[in-house]
Protein backbone atom coordinates (compact mmCIF):
# COMPACT_ATOMS: atom_id res chain seq x y z
CA MET A 1 0.00 0.00 0.00
CA LEU A 2 2.85 2.40 0.81
CA ARG A 3 4.57 1.68 -2.50
CA ASN A 4 1.37 2.51 -4.37
CA ALA A 5 0.99 5.79 -2.46
CA THR A 6 4.58 7.00 -2.91
CA SER A 7 3.59 10.04 -4.98
CA ASP A 8 1.04 11.11 -2.38
CA LEU A 9 3.40 10.58 0.53
CA LEU A 10 6.17 12.61 -1.10
CA ALA A 11 3.93 15.45 -2.32
CA PHE A 12 5.53 17.84 0.19
CA ALA A 13 8.78 17.62 -1.79
CA ASP A 14 7.17 19.67 -4.59
CA PHE A 15 6.93 22.76 -2.38
CA PRO A 16 9.51 25.54 -2.91
CA ILE A 17 12.78 25.05 -1.04
CA HIS A 18 12.77 28.48 0.66
CA ARG A 19 9.80 27.40 2.75
CA THR A 20 11.25 25.60 5.75
CA ARG A 21 8.06 24.18 7.22
CA ILE A 22 4.52 23.51 6.13
CA ARG A 23 2.06 25.47 8.21
CA SER A 24 -1.35 24.20 9.11
CA ALA A 25 -4.18 25.85 7.27
CA ASN A 26 -6.83 24.27 9.45
CA PRO A 27 -9.33 27.05 10.28
CA LEU A 28 -11.17 24.78 12.72
CA GLU A 29 -8.40 24.76 15.32
CA PRO A 30 -9.03 28.30 16.66
CA LEU A 31 -12.78 27.72 16.50
CA ASN A 32 -12.49 24.52 18.53
CA LYS A 33 -10.35 26.33 21.10
CA GLU A 34 -13.01 29.03 21.50
CA VAL A 35 -15.79 26.46 21.90
CA ASN A 36 -13.73 24.54 24.45
CA ARG A 37 -12.96 27.74 26.35
CA GLY A 38 -16.63 28.75 26.42
CA THR A 39 -17.88 25.35 27.52
CA HIS A 40 -15.09 24.84 30.07
CA VAL A 41 -16.43 27.77 32.12
CA VAL A 42 -19.74 25.98 32.67
CA GLY A 43 -18.23 22.54 33.11
CA LEU A 44 -21.46 20.55 33.57
CA PHE A 45 -24.40 20.54 31.19
CA LEU A 46 -27.80 19.22 32.18
CA ASN A 47 -28.89 18.36 28.64
CA SER A 48 -27.85 18.82 25.02
CA GLU A 49 -29.73 22.12 24.68
CA ALA A 50 -27.69 23.55 27.55
CA LEU A 51 -24.51 22.60 25.68
CA LEU A 52 -25.69 24.08 22.39
CA ARG A 53 -26.32 27.54 23.84
CA PRO A 54 -22.68 28.53 24.62
CA ALA A 55 -21.26 26.55 21.70
CA GLY A 56 -23.82 28.10 19.33
CA ALA A 57 -23.01 31.59 20.62
CA VAL A 58 -19.35 31.09 19.73
CA LEU A 59 -20.21 29.67 16.31
CA ILE A 60 -22.56 32.55 15.47
């Protein structure tokens, strides 16, 4: 399986040499941190609607 995927596994080698590291372009990471921060304050949720209120406020 690895031999068949060699071109996919080595795709990073096609990037320009002056770039020393590949940065993450994942826009969900900061959003997840904000949701975790907002829900961590409450800590305990009685039902799913109680969880959706602070998480929904961050997402909006």
